[in-house]
N, C-alpha and C. Protein backbone atom coordinates (compact mmCIF):
# COMPACT_ATOMS: atom_id res chain seq x y z
N MET A 1 -28.96 -77.32 -38.18
CA MET A 1 -29.03 -77.88 -36.84
C MET A 1 -30.21 -78.84 -36.73
N ALA A 2 -30.10 -79.78 -35.85
CA ALA A 2 -31.18 -80.73 -35.58
C ALA A 2 -32.34 -80.02 -34.87
N ALA A 3 -33.36 -80.76 -34.55
CA ALA A 3 -34.53 -80.20 -33.88
C ALA A 3 -34.19 -79.72 -32.47
N LEU A 4 -34.89 -78.69 -32.04
CA LEU A 4 -34.81 -78.19 -30.68
C LEU A 4 -35.92 -78.86 -29.88
N ILE A 5 -35.61 -79.28 -28.66
CA ILE A 5 -36.62 -79.87 -27.76
C ILE A 5 -37.13 -78.78 -26.84
N LEU A 6 -38.43 -78.58 -26.83
CA LEU A 6 -39.07 -77.61 -25.94
C LEU A 6 -39.81 -78.34 -24.84
N ILE A 7 -39.53 -77.98 -23.60
CA ILE A 7 -40.31 -78.47 -22.46
C ILE A 7 -41.15 -77.30 -21.96
N PRO A 8 -42.44 -77.28 -22.29
CA PRO A 8 -43.30 -76.19 -21.82
C PRO A 8 -43.69 -76.44 -20.36
N ALA A 9 -43.06 -75.72 -19.47
CA ALA A 9 -43.28 -75.93 -18.03
C ALA A 9 -43.77 -74.64 -17.38
N ALA A 10 -44.57 -73.86 -18.13
CA ALA A 10 -45.03 -72.56 -17.64
C ALA A 10 -46.46 -72.60 -17.12
N GLY A 11 -47.04 -73.79 -17.03
CA GLY A 11 -48.42 -73.90 -16.53
C GLY A 11 -48.50 -73.70 -15.02
N ALA A 12 -49.70 -73.48 -14.55
CA ALA A 12 -49.92 -73.17 -13.13
C ALA A 12 -50.06 -74.41 -12.25
N SER A 13 -50.21 -75.60 -12.83
CA SER A 13 -50.40 -76.82 -12.06
C SER A 13 -51.65 -76.73 -11.19
N ALA A 14 -52.68 -76.05 -11.70
CA ALA A 14 -53.88 -75.74 -10.92
C ALA A 14 -54.62 -76.98 -10.47
N ARG A 15 -54.60 -78.05 -11.25
CA ARG A 15 -55.37 -79.24 -10.90
C ARG A 15 -54.73 -80.04 -9.75
N MET A 16 -53.55 -79.62 -9.31
CA MET A 16 -52.90 -80.30 -8.19
C MET A 16 -53.39 -79.78 -6.83
N ARG A 17 -54.30 -78.82 -6.85
CA ARG A 17 -54.91 -78.30 -5.62
C ARG A 17 -53.86 -77.87 -4.58
N GLY A 18 -52.96 -77.00 -5.02
CA GLY A 18 -51.95 -76.45 -4.11
C GLY A 18 -50.57 -77.05 -4.28
N GLY A 19 -50.47 -78.21 -4.89
CA GLY A 19 -49.16 -78.82 -5.14
C GLY A 19 -48.63 -78.41 -6.50
N ASP A 20 -47.44 -78.85 -6.81
CA ASP A 20 -46.85 -78.59 -8.12
C ASP A 20 -46.45 -79.92 -8.74
N LYS A 21 -47.17 -80.34 -9.76
CA LYS A 21 -46.91 -81.64 -10.36
C LYS A 21 -45.50 -81.77 -10.89
N LEU A 22 -44.90 -80.67 -11.32
CA LEU A 22 -43.56 -80.74 -11.90
C LEU A 22 -42.47 -80.85 -10.85
N MET A 23 -42.84 -80.65 -9.60
CA MET A 23 -41.87 -80.81 -8.50
C MET A 23 -42.08 -82.14 -7.76
N GLU A 24 -43.05 -82.93 -8.20
CA GLU A 24 -43.26 -84.26 -7.61
C GLU A 24 -42.02 -85.12 -7.85
N PRO A 25 -41.60 -85.89 -6.84
CA PRO A 25 -40.40 -86.71 -7.01
C PRO A 25 -40.64 -87.94 -7.88
N VAL A 26 -39.71 -88.17 -8.80
CA VAL A 26 -39.69 -89.36 -9.63
C VAL A 26 -38.26 -89.88 -9.60
N ALA A 27 -38.09 -91.10 -9.10
CA ALA A 27 -36.75 -91.70 -8.97
C ALA A 27 -35.80 -90.76 -8.24
N GLY A 28 -36.32 -90.09 -7.19
CA GLY A 28 -35.46 -89.30 -6.32
C GLY A 28 -35.17 -87.88 -6.76
N GLU A 29 -35.81 -87.40 -7.81
CA GLU A 29 -35.60 -86.01 -8.23
C GLU A 29 -36.91 -85.42 -8.73
N PRO A 30 -37.03 -84.08 -8.73
CA PRO A 30 -38.27 -83.49 -9.24
C PRO A 30 -38.52 -83.89 -10.69
N LEU A 31 -39.77 -84.15 -11.01
CA LEU A 31 -40.13 -84.57 -12.36
C LEU A 31 -39.55 -83.63 -13.42
N LEU A 32 -39.62 -82.32 -13.20
CA LEU A 32 -39.13 -81.38 -14.20
C LEU A 32 -37.64 -81.58 -14.46
N ARG A 33 -36.86 -81.77 -13.42
CA ARG A 33 -35.42 -81.99 -13.59
C ARG A 33 -35.18 -83.31 -14.35
N ARG A 34 -35.95 -84.34 -14.00
CA ARG A 34 -35.81 -85.62 -14.68
C ARG A 34 -36.11 -85.48 -16.17
N GLN A 35 -37.19 -84.76 -16.51
CA GLN A 35 -37.55 -84.57 -17.90
C GLN A 35 -36.45 -83.81 -18.65
N ALA A 36 -35.91 -82.78 -18.01
CA ALA A 36 -34.87 -81.98 -18.66
C ALA A 36 -33.59 -82.79 -18.87
N ARG A 37 -33.18 -83.56 -17.88
CA ARG A 37 -31.99 -84.39 -18.02
C ARG A 37 -32.17 -85.42 -19.13
N MET A 38 -33.34 -86.05 -19.13
CA MET A 38 -33.64 -87.05 -20.14
C MET A 38 -33.63 -86.44 -21.53
N ALA A 39 -34.21 -85.26 -21.68
CA ALA A 39 -34.26 -84.59 -22.98
C ALA A 39 -32.86 -84.17 -23.43
N LEU A 40 -32.04 -83.69 -22.52
CA LEU A 40 -30.68 -83.29 -22.86
C LEU A 40 -29.86 -84.45 -23.43
N ALA A 41 -30.20 -85.66 -23.06
CA ALA A 41 -29.50 -86.83 -23.59
C ALA A 41 -29.85 -87.06 -25.06
N ALA A 42 -30.92 -86.39 -25.55
CA ALA A 42 -31.35 -86.57 -26.94
C ALA A 42 -31.06 -85.37 -27.82
N GLY A 43 -30.87 -84.18 -27.24
CA GLY A 43 -30.62 -83.00 -28.06
C GLY A 43 -30.67 -81.72 -27.26
N PRO A 44 -30.58 -80.56 -27.94
CA PRO A 44 -30.63 -79.27 -27.25
C PRO A 44 -32.03 -79.02 -26.69
N VAL A 45 -32.09 -78.37 -25.53
CA VAL A 45 -33.36 -78.22 -24.80
C VAL A 45 -33.59 -76.77 -24.40
N GLU A 46 -34.82 -76.35 -24.54
CA GLU A 46 -35.30 -75.05 -24.05
C GLU A 46 -36.49 -75.32 -23.14
N VAL A 47 -36.53 -74.65 -21.98
CA VAL A 47 -37.63 -74.83 -21.03
C VAL A 47 -38.28 -73.47 -20.78
N THR A 48 -39.61 -73.44 -20.78
CA THR A 48 -40.33 -72.23 -20.42
C THR A 48 -40.92 -72.41 -19.03
N LEU A 49 -40.87 -71.33 -18.23
CA LEU A 49 -41.35 -71.36 -16.85
C LEU A 49 -42.25 -70.16 -16.58
N PRO A 50 -43.11 -70.27 -15.55
CA PRO A 50 -43.88 -69.11 -15.11
C PRO A 50 -43.14 -68.42 -13.96
N ALA A 51 -43.37 -67.14 -13.78
CA ALA A 51 -42.77 -66.44 -12.65
C ALA A 51 -43.34 -66.94 -11.33
N SER A 52 -44.54 -67.51 -11.37
CA SER A 52 -45.26 -67.91 -10.15
C SER A 52 -44.72 -69.17 -9.47
N HIS A 53 -43.79 -69.90 -10.10
CA HIS A 53 -43.27 -71.13 -9.51
C HIS A 53 -41.74 -71.11 -9.54
N PRO A 54 -41.10 -70.30 -8.67
CA PRO A 54 -39.64 -70.15 -8.72
C PRO A 54 -38.89 -71.43 -8.40
N ALA A 55 -39.50 -72.37 -7.71
CA ALA A 55 -38.80 -73.62 -7.39
C ALA A 55 -38.45 -74.40 -8.65
N ARG A 56 -39.22 -74.21 -9.70
CA ARG A 56 -38.94 -74.93 -10.94
C ARG A 56 -37.58 -74.53 -11.51
N ALA A 57 -37.28 -73.24 -11.48
CA ALA A 57 -35.97 -72.79 -11.97
C ALA A 57 -34.86 -73.41 -11.14
N GLY A 58 -35.06 -73.49 -9.84
CA GLY A 58 -34.06 -74.11 -8.97
C GLY A 58 -33.85 -75.57 -9.31
N ALA A 59 -34.91 -76.25 -9.68
CA ALA A 59 -34.80 -77.68 -10.02
C ALA A 59 -33.97 -77.90 -11.28
N LEU A 60 -33.85 -76.87 -12.12
CA LEU A 60 -33.11 -76.99 -13.38
C LEU A 60 -31.68 -76.49 -13.28
N ALA A 61 -31.30 -75.97 -12.12
CA ALA A 61 -29.98 -75.38 -11.96
C ALA A 61 -28.87 -76.36 -12.31
N GLY A 62 -27.89 -75.85 -13.05
CA GLY A 62 -26.70 -76.62 -13.36
C GLY A 62 -26.81 -77.58 -14.52
N LEU A 63 -27.94 -77.63 -15.19
CA LEU A 63 -28.11 -78.59 -16.28
C LEU A 63 -27.59 -78.08 -17.63
N GLY A 64 -27.42 -76.78 -17.76
CA GLY A 64 -26.89 -76.26 -19.01
C GLY A 64 -27.88 -76.26 -20.15
N LEU A 65 -29.09 -75.82 -19.89
CA LEU A 65 -30.11 -75.72 -20.93
C LEU A 65 -30.67 -74.31 -20.95
N GLY A 66 -31.44 -74.00 -21.98
CA GLY A 66 -32.08 -72.69 -22.06
C GLY A 66 -33.32 -72.64 -21.19
N VAL A 67 -33.39 -71.65 -20.32
CA VAL A 67 -34.55 -71.48 -19.43
C VAL A 67 -35.06 -70.06 -19.58
N THR A 68 -36.36 -69.92 -19.85
CA THR A 68 -36.96 -68.61 -20.00
C THR A 68 -38.21 -68.53 -19.14
N VAL A 69 -38.30 -67.47 -18.31
CA VAL A 69 -39.52 -67.19 -17.56
C VAL A 69 -40.40 -66.34 -18.47
N LEU A 70 -41.58 -66.85 -18.80
CA LEU A 70 -42.46 -66.17 -19.75
C LEU A 70 -43.33 -65.12 -19.06
N PRO A 71 -43.30 -63.88 -19.55
CA PRO A 71 -44.17 -62.87 -18.97
C PRO A 71 -45.64 -63.11 -19.29
N ASP A 72 -45.91 -63.86 -20.38
CA ASP A 72 -47.29 -64.12 -20.80
C ASP A 72 -47.70 -65.57 -20.53
N ALA A 73 -47.08 -66.21 -19.52
CA ALA A 73 -47.35 -67.62 -19.23
C ALA A 73 -48.82 -67.88 -18.93
N ALA A 74 -49.52 -66.92 -18.33
CA ALA A 74 -50.93 -67.12 -17.97
C ALA A 74 -51.83 -67.32 -19.18
N GLU A 75 -51.37 -66.94 -20.35
CA GLU A 75 -52.17 -67.13 -21.57
C GLU A 75 -52.44 -68.60 -21.83
N GLY A 76 -51.47 -69.45 -21.51
CA GLY A 76 -51.62 -70.87 -21.76
C GLY A 76 -50.49 -71.41 -22.61
N MET A 77 -50.68 -72.62 -23.09
CA MET A 77 -49.65 -73.36 -23.82
C MET A 77 -49.08 -72.60 -25.02
N ALA A 78 -49.91 -71.82 -25.69
CA ALA A 78 -49.45 -71.12 -26.90
C ALA A 78 -48.26 -70.21 -26.63
N ALA A 79 -48.21 -69.60 -25.46
CA ALA A 79 -47.09 -68.71 -25.14
C ALA A 79 -45.78 -69.48 -25.16
N SER A 80 -45.78 -70.68 -24.60
CA SER A 80 -44.57 -71.51 -24.60
C SER A 80 -44.22 -71.95 -26.01
N ILE A 81 -45.21 -72.35 -26.79
CA ILE A 81 -44.94 -72.85 -28.14
C ILE A 81 -44.41 -71.73 -29.02
N ARG A 82 -44.99 -70.54 -28.92
CA ARG A 82 -44.47 -69.41 -29.70
C ARG A 82 -43.02 -69.13 -29.34
N HIS A 83 -42.72 -69.15 -28.05
CA HIS A 83 -41.33 -68.93 -27.61
C HIS A 83 -40.42 -70.01 -28.18
N GLY A 84 -40.86 -71.26 -28.10
CA GLY A 84 -40.05 -72.36 -28.63
C GLY A 84 -39.81 -72.22 -30.12
N ALA A 85 -40.84 -71.81 -30.87
CA ALA A 85 -40.68 -71.63 -32.31
C ALA A 85 -39.69 -70.51 -32.61
N ARG A 86 -39.75 -69.41 -31.85
CA ARG A 86 -38.79 -68.32 -32.05
C ARG A 86 -37.37 -68.77 -31.76
N ARG A 87 -37.20 -69.54 -30.68
CA ARG A 87 -35.85 -70.04 -30.33
C ARG A 87 -35.36 -71.02 -31.39
N ALA A 88 -36.24 -71.87 -31.88
CA ALA A 88 -35.85 -72.83 -32.92
C ALA A 88 -35.46 -72.11 -34.20
N MET A 89 -36.19 -71.06 -34.55
CA MET A 89 -35.84 -70.28 -35.74
C MET A 89 -34.49 -69.61 -35.56
N ALA A 90 -34.24 -69.04 -34.39
CA ALA A 90 -32.97 -68.36 -34.13
C ALA A 90 -31.79 -69.32 -34.22
N ARG A 91 -32.02 -70.57 -33.87
CA ARG A 91 -30.96 -71.59 -33.92
C ARG A 91 -30.89 -72.30 -35.26
N ALA A 92 -31.75 -71.92 -36.20
CA ALA A 92 -31.85 -72.61 -37.50
C ALA A 92 -32.11 -74.09 -37.30
N ALA A 93 -32.94 -74.42 -36.31
CA ALA A 93 -33.29 -75.82 -36.03
C ALA A 93 -34.18 -76.37 -37.13
N SER A 94 -34.08 -77.65 -37.37
CA SER A 94 -34.87 -78.30 -38.42
C SER A 94 -36.29 -78.61 -37.96
N GLY A 95 -36.54 -78.54 -36.66
CA GLY A 95 -37.85 -78.82 -36.13
C GLY A 95 -37.94 -78.42 -34.67
N LEU A 96 -39.14 -78.50 -34.11
CA LEU A 96 -39.38 -78.22 -32.70
C LEU A 96 -40.13 -79.41 -32.12
N LEU A 97 -39.48 -80.12 -31.21
CA LEU A 97 -40.07 -81.28 -30.55
C LEU A 97 -40.64 -80.81 -29.22
N ILE A 98 -41.95 -80.87 -29.07
CA ILE A 98 -42.60 -80.41 -27.85
C ILE A 98 -42.79 -81.59 -26.92
N LEU A 99 -42.09 -81.53 -25.79
CA LEU A 99 -42.10 -82.59 -24.78
C LEU A 99 -42.83 -82.12 -23.54
N PRO A 100 -44.05 -82.59 -23.30
CA PRO A 100 -44.75 -82.17 -22.08
C PRO A 100 -43.95 -82.53 -20.84
N ALA A 101 -43.98 -81.63 -19.89
CA ALA A 101 -43.17 -81.82 -18.68
C ALA A 101 -43.77 -82.82 -17.71
N ASP A 102 -45.03 -83.21 -17.92
CA ASP A 102 -45.72 -84.05 -16.93
C ASP A 102 -45.93 -85.49 -17.40
N MET A 103 -45.02 -85.99 -18.23
CA MET A 103 -45.16 -87.34 -18.78
C MET A 103 -43.96 -88.20 -18.40
N PRO A 104 -43.97 -88.78 -17.19
CA PRO A 104 -42.78 -89.43 -16.65
C PRO A 104 -42.40 -90.77 -17.28
N GLU A 105 -43.24 -91.32 -18.15
CA GLU A 105 -42.88 -92.60 -18.77
C GLU A 105 -42.09 -92.43 -20.08
N LEU A 106 -42.03 -91.19 -20.57
CA LEU A 106 -41.20 -90.93 -21.75
C LEU A 106 -39.74 -90.95 -21.35
N ASP A 107 -38.88 -91.43 -22.26
CA ASP A 107 -37.44 -91.41 -21.96
C ASP A 107 -36.65 -90.97 -23.18
N SER A 108 -35.35 -90.85 -23.02
CA SER A 108 -34.52 -90.33 -24.11
C SER A 108 -34.54 -91.24 -25.33
N ASP A 109 -34.71 -92.54 -25.15
CA ASP A 109 -34.81 -93.43 -26.31
C ASP A 109 -36.05 -93.12 -27.15
N HIS A 110 -37.15 -92.78 -26.49
CA HIS A 110 -38.36 -92.40 -27.21
C HIS A 110 -38.13 -91.14 -28.03
N LEU A 111 -37.45 -90.17 -27.40
CA LEU A 111 -37.17 -88.93 -28.11
C LEU A 111 -36.24 -89.18 -29.29
N ARG A 112 -35.24 -90.02 -29.10
CA ARG A 112 -34.32 -90.33 -30.19
C ARG A 112 -35.04 -91.01 -31.36
N LEU A 113 -36.01 -91.84 -31.04
CA LEU A 113 -36.80 -92.51 -32.08
C LEU A 113 -37.53 -91.49 -32.95
N ILE A 114 -38.16 -90.52 -32.30
CA ILE A 114 -38.88 -89.48 -33.04
C ILE A 114 -37.90 -88.59 -33.80
N LEU A 115 -36.78 -88.26 -33.17
CA LEU A 115 -35.79 -87.42 -33.85
C LEU A 115 -35.17 -88.14 -35.05
N ALA A 116 -34.99 -89.44 -34.96
CA ALA A 116 -34.48 -90.21 -36.10
C ALA A 116 -35.50 -90.22 -37.24
N ALA A 117 -36.78 -90.35 -36.90
CA ALA A 117 -37.82 -90.29 -37.93
C ALA A 117 -37.85 -88.91 -38.57
N HIS A 118 -37.61 -87.88 -37.78
CA HIS A 118 -37.56 -86.52 -38.31
C HIS A 118 -36.37 -86.35 -39.27
N ALA A 119 -35.24 -86.92 -38.92
CA ALA A 119 -34.07 -86.83 -39.80
C ALA A 119 -34.35 -87.50 -41.14
N ALA A 120 -35.15 -88.56 -41.13
CA ALA A 120 -35.48 -89.28 -42.36
C ALA A 120 -36.56 -88.58 -43.17
N THR A 121 -37.48 -87.88 -42.49
CA THR A 121 -38.57 -87.17 -43.18
C THR A 121 -38.71 -85.78 -42.56
N PRO A 122 -37.78 -84.87 -42.86
CA PRO A 122 -37.70 -83.60 -42.14
C PRO A 122 -38.86 -82.63 -42.37
N ASP A 123 -39.72 -82.88 -43.34
CA ASP A 123 -40.84 -81.96 -43.60
C ASP A 123 -42.16 -82.44 -43.01
N ARG A 124 -42.17 -83.62 -42.35
CA ARG A 124 -43.41 -84.19 -41.83
C ARG A 124 -43.58 -83.88 -40.35
N PRO A 125 -44.77 -83.46 -39.92
CA PRO A 125 -45.04 -83.43 -38.48
C PRO A 125 -45.07 -84.87 -37.97
N LEU A 126 -44.57 -85.08 -36.77
CA LEU A 126 -44.52 -86.42 -36.17
C LEU A 126 -45.16 -86.35 -34.79
N ARG A 127 -45.72 -87.49 -34.39
CA ARG A 127 -46.41 -87.50 -33.09
C ARG A 127 -46.23 -88.85 -32.42
N GLY A 128 -45.76 -88.83 -31.18
CA GLY A 128 -45.68 -90.05 -30.41
C GLY A 128 -47.07 -90.64 -30.25
N ALA A 129 -47.14 -91.97 -30.24
CA ALA A 129 -48.42 -92.66 -30.10
C ALA A 129 -48.23 -93.88 -29.21
N ALA A 130 -49.34 -94.37 -28.67
CA ALA A 130 -49.29 -95.62 -27.92
C ALA A 130 -49.05 -96.76 -28.90
N GLU A 131 -48.75 -97.93 -28.38
CA GLU A 131 -48.51 -99.09 -29.24
C GLU A 131 -49.70 -99.38 -30.15
N ASP A 132 -50.92 -99.06 -29.69
CA ASP A 132 -52.12 -99.32 -30.50
C ASP A 132 -52.42 -98.20 -31.49
N GLY A 133 -51.56 -97.18 -31.56
CA GLY A 133 -51.73 -96.08 -32.50
C GLY A 133 -52.47 -94.87 -31.96
N THR A 134 -52.96 -94.93 -30.71
CA THR A 134 -53.63 -93.78 -30.12
C THR A 134 -52.66 -92.61 -30.05
N PRO A 135 -53.01 -91.45 -30.66
CA PRO A 135 -52.08 -90.33 -30.68
C PRO A 135 -51.83 -89.76 -29.29
N GLY A 136 -50.59 -89.35 -29.09
CA GLY A 136 -50.19 -88.78 -27.80
C GLY A 136 -49.09 -87.76 -28.00
N HIS A 137 -48.06 -87.88 -27.18
CA HIS A 137 -46.93 -86.93 -27.19
C HIS A 137 -45.63 -87.71 -27.08
N PRO A 138 -44.52 -87.07 -27.39
CA PRO A 138 -44.34 -85.70 -27.83
C PRO A 138 -44.71 -85.50 -29.29
N VAL A 139 -44.76 -84.21 -29.70
CA VAL A 139 -45.09 -83.85 -31.08
C VAL A 139 -43.93 -83.06 -31.66
N LEU A 140 -43.54 -83.39 -32.89
CA LEU A 140 -42.47 -82.66 -33.56
C LEU A 140 -43.05 -81.91 -34.76
N PHE A 141 -42.85 -80.60 -34.75
CA PHE A 141 -43.26 -79.75 -35.85
C PHE A 141 -42.03 -79.42 -36.70
N PRO A 142 -42.08 -79.68 -38.01
CA PRO A 142 -40.94 -79.35 -38.85
C PRO A 142 -40.82 -77.83 -39.04
N ARG A 143 -39.66 -77.42 -39.46
CA ARG A 143 -39.36 -76.00 -39.64
C ARG A 143 -40.40 -75.28 -40.50
N ARG A 144 -40.93 -75.93 -41.52
CA ARG A 144 -41.88 -75.27 -42.42
C ARG A 144 -43.15 -74.83 -41.69
N LEU A 145 -43.42 -75.40 -40.50
CA LEU A 145 -44.62 -75.04 -39.74
C LEU A 145 -44.35 -74.03 -38.63
N PHE A 146 -43.11 -73.56 -38.49
CA PHE A 146 -42.83 -72.56 -37.45
C PHE A 146 -43.72 -71.32 -37.58
N PRO A 147 -43.96 -70.79 -38.81
CA PRO A 147 -44.85 -69.63 -38.90
C PRO A 147 -46.25 -69.92 -38.35
N ASN A 148 -46.75 -71.14 -38.54
CA ASN A 148 -48.06 -71.51 -37.99
C ASN A 148 -48.03 -71.52 -36.47
N LEU A 149 -46.91 -71.98 -35.89
CA LEU A 149 -46.79 -72.02 -34.44
C LEU A 149 -46.76 -70.61 -33.85
N LEU A 150 -46.16 -69.68 -34.58
CA LEU A 150 -46.09 -68.29 -34.10
C LEU A 150 -47.45 -67.61 -34.06
N GLU A 151 -48.44 -68.18 -34.75
CA GLU A 151 -49.79 -67.61 -34.78
C GLU A 151 -50.70 -68.16 -33.69
N LEU A 152 -50.23 -69.14 -32.93
CA LEU A 152 -51.08 -69.77 -31.91
C LEU A 152 -51.40 -68.81 -30.78
N SER A 153 -52.56 -69.03 -30.16
CA SER A 153 -52.95 -68.27 -28.97
C SER A 153 -53.76 -69.17 -28.07
N GLY A 154 -53.82 -68.82 -26.79
CA GLY A 154 -54.63 -69.57 -25.84
C GLY A 154 -53.95 -70.82 -25.32
N ASP A 155 -54.77 -71.79 -24.93
CA ASP A 155 -54.24 -72.97 -24.24
C ASP A 155 -54.49 -74.26 -24.99
N SER A 156 -54.68 -74.20 -26.30
CA SER A 156 -54.98 -75.43 -27.04
C SER A 156 -53.74 -76.10 -27.60
N GLY A 157 -52.57 -75.56 -27.35
CA GLY A 157 -51.35 -76.17 -27.86
C GLY A 157 -51.32 -76.10 -29.38
N GLY A 158 -50.76 -77.12 -30.00
CA GLY A 158 -50.62 -77.14 -31.45
C GLY A 158 -51.73 -77.86 -32.18
N ARG A 159 -52.86 -78.10 -31.52
CA ARG A 159 -53.95 -78.87 -32.14
C ARG A 159 -54.43 -78.27 -33.46
N THR A 160 -54.54 -76.95 -33.52
CA THR A 160 -55.05 -76.35 -34.75
C THR A 160 -54.06 -76.55 -35.90
N VAL A 161 -52.79 -76.53 -35.61
CA VAL A 161 -51.78 -76.77 -36.65
C VAL A 161 -51.86 -78.23 -37.10
N LEU A 162 -51.98 -79.15 -36.16
CA LEU A 162 -52.07 -80.57 -36.51
C LEU A 162 -53.36 -80.88 -37.28
N ALA A 163 -54.41 -80.12 -37.04
CA ALA A 163 -55.65 -80.35 -37.78
C ALA A 163 -55.46 -80.05 -39.26
N ARG A 164 -54.63 -79.07 -39.57
CA ARG A 164 -54.36 -78.71 -40.97
C ARG A 164 -53.19 -79.48 -41.56
N HIS A 165 -52.32 -79.96 -40.69
CA HIS A 165 -51.11 -80.68 -41.13
C HIS A 165 -50.97 -81.94 -40.29
N PRO A 166 -51.71 -82.99 -40.63
CA PRO A 166 -51.73 -84.21 -39.80
C PRO A 166 -50.33 -84.80 -39.60
N ALA A 167 -50.12 -85.31 -38.41
CA ALA A 167 -48.83 -85.87 -38.05
C ALA A 167 -48.77 -87.36 -38.33
N THR A 168 -47.59 -87.82 -38.66
CA THR A 168 -47.33 -89.24 -38.79
C THR A 168 -47.10 -89.81 -37.39
N ALA A 169 -47.80 -90.88 -37.06
CA ALA A 169 -47.68 -91.49 -35.73
C ALA A 169 -46.38 -92.28 -35.61
N ILE A 170 -45.72 -92.12 -34.49
CA ILE A 170 -44.52 -92.89 -34.16
C ILE A 170 -44.87 -93.71 -32.91
N PRO A 171 -45.18 -94.99 -33.05
CA PRO A 171 -45.55 -95.79 -31.88
C PRO A 171 -44.40 -95.91 -30.88
N LEU A 172 -44.74 -95.69 -29.62
CA LEU A 172 -43.78 -95.82 -28.52
C LEU A 172 -44.25 -96.95 -27.62
N PRO A 173 -43.35 -97.56 -26.87
CA PRO A 173 -43.73 -98.70 -26.04
C PRO A 173 -44.82 -98.36 -25.00
N GLY A 174 -45.67 -99.32 -24.77
CA GLY A 174 -46.69 -99.20 -23.73
C GLY A 174 -47.56 -97.98 -23.90
N ARG A 175 -47.75 -97.26 -22.77
CA ARG A 175 -48.57 -96.06 -22.77
C ARG A 175 -47.74 -94.81 -22.50
N ALA A 176 -46.44 -94.89 -22.78
CA ALA A 176 -45.54 -93.77 -22.49
C ALA A 176 -46.02 -92.48 -23.16
N ALA A 177 -46.56 -92.58 -24.37
CA ALA A 177 -47.00 -91.40 -25.12
C ALA A 177 -48.31 -90.82 -24.60
N LEU A 178 -48.97 -91.53 -23.68
CA LEU A 178 -50.28 -91.10 -23.19
C LEU A 178 -50.30 -90.75 -21.71
N THR A 179 -49.35 -91.26 -20.94
CA THR A 179 -49.39 -91.10 -19.49
C THR A 179 -48.95 -89.70 -19.07
N ASP A 180 -49.93 -88.85 -18.74
CA ASP A 180 -49.60 -87.55 -18.15
C ASP A 180 -50.30 -87.46 -16.81
N LEU A 181 -49.66 -86.77 -15.88
CA LEU A 181 -50.11 -86.76 -14.49
C LEU A 181 -50.45 -85.32 -14.09
N ASP A 182 -51.75 -85.04 -13.96
CA ASP A 182 -52.21 -83.68 -13.70
C ASP A 182 -52.78 -83.45 -12.31
N THR A 183 -53.25 -84.52 -11.65
CA THR A 183 -53.94 -84.37 -10.37
C THR A 183 -53.28 -85.26 -9.31
N PRO A 184 -53.55 -85.00 -8.03
CA PRO A 184 -53.04 -85.90 -6.99
C PRO A 184 -53.50 -87.35 -7.22
N GLU A 185 -54.72 -87.51 -7.72
CA GLU A 185 -55.23 -88.86 -7.98
C GLU A 185 -54.45 -89.54 -9.11
N ASP A 186 -54.11 -88.78 -10.16
CA ASP A 186 -53.28 -89.32 -11.24
C ASP A 186 -51.95 -89.83 -10.68
N TRP A 187 -51.34 -89.00 -9.85
CA TRP A 187 -50.04 -89.37 -9.27
C TRP A 187 -50.16 -90.63 -8.41
N ALA A 188 -51.19 -90.68 -7.58
CA ALA A 188 -51.37 -91.83 -6.70
C ALA A 188 -51.59 -93.11 -7.52
N ALA A 189 -52.42 -93.02 -8.55
CA ALA A 189 -52.67 -94.21 -9.38
C ALA A 189 -51.42 -94.64 -10.11
N TRP A 190 -50.66 -93.69 -10.61
CA TRP A 190 -49.42 -94.02 -11.34
C TRP A 190 -48.40 -94.67 -10.40
N ARG A 191 -48.24 -94.10 -9.22
CA ARG A 191 -47.28 -94.65 -8.26
C ARG A 191 -47.69 -96.06 -7.81
N ALA A 192 -48.99 -96.32 -7.77
CA ALA A 192 -49.46 -97.66 -7.40
C ALA A 192 -49.13 -98.69 -8.48
N ARG A 193 -48.97 -98.25 -9.74
CA ARG A 193 -48.67 -99.15 -10.85
C ARG A 193 -47.19 -99.42 -11.02
N ILE A 194 -46.35 -98.48 -10.59
CA ILE A 194 -44.92 -98.66 -10.88
C ILE A 194 -44.21 -99.42 -9.77
């Protein structure tokens, strides 16, 4: 099977000061739903959610993807990545593409570009980058690194795995690989640009 796309959406959105960044509207729909629809156009998708934000599950209704509410979501990003690695292993996926839920400039063509590079070099970690080569997201971990992902803990994501297994950069247009929106100010600045 091809790579599984994981959307880790189990964070608390704490920097939004009471709001939920993943429920912010983008082109008329919640960002999380937009990200999931876009990812589904590129491959199979699994989404992790926290119990503390039930509206997120509602935003994904009817899309036909895997959704899991994580009991250990408060631990941080590692809980989502471990879950994604287990799901990818169960599906005999060739890789796990981690797509942050808060990056609205990424689109299905960007994901297809990374997935095509993975098909050509299935044992290499890959990482979306800005046009100038600045590393960003999404990140694709090949199957051989799933055991490393299962050992992660805390909120540092896959950085420790990438430190030992450097990723090949896949340049994406503009700043799509870098634009993530965590605060009300981020959202306001982004909306002023688009």
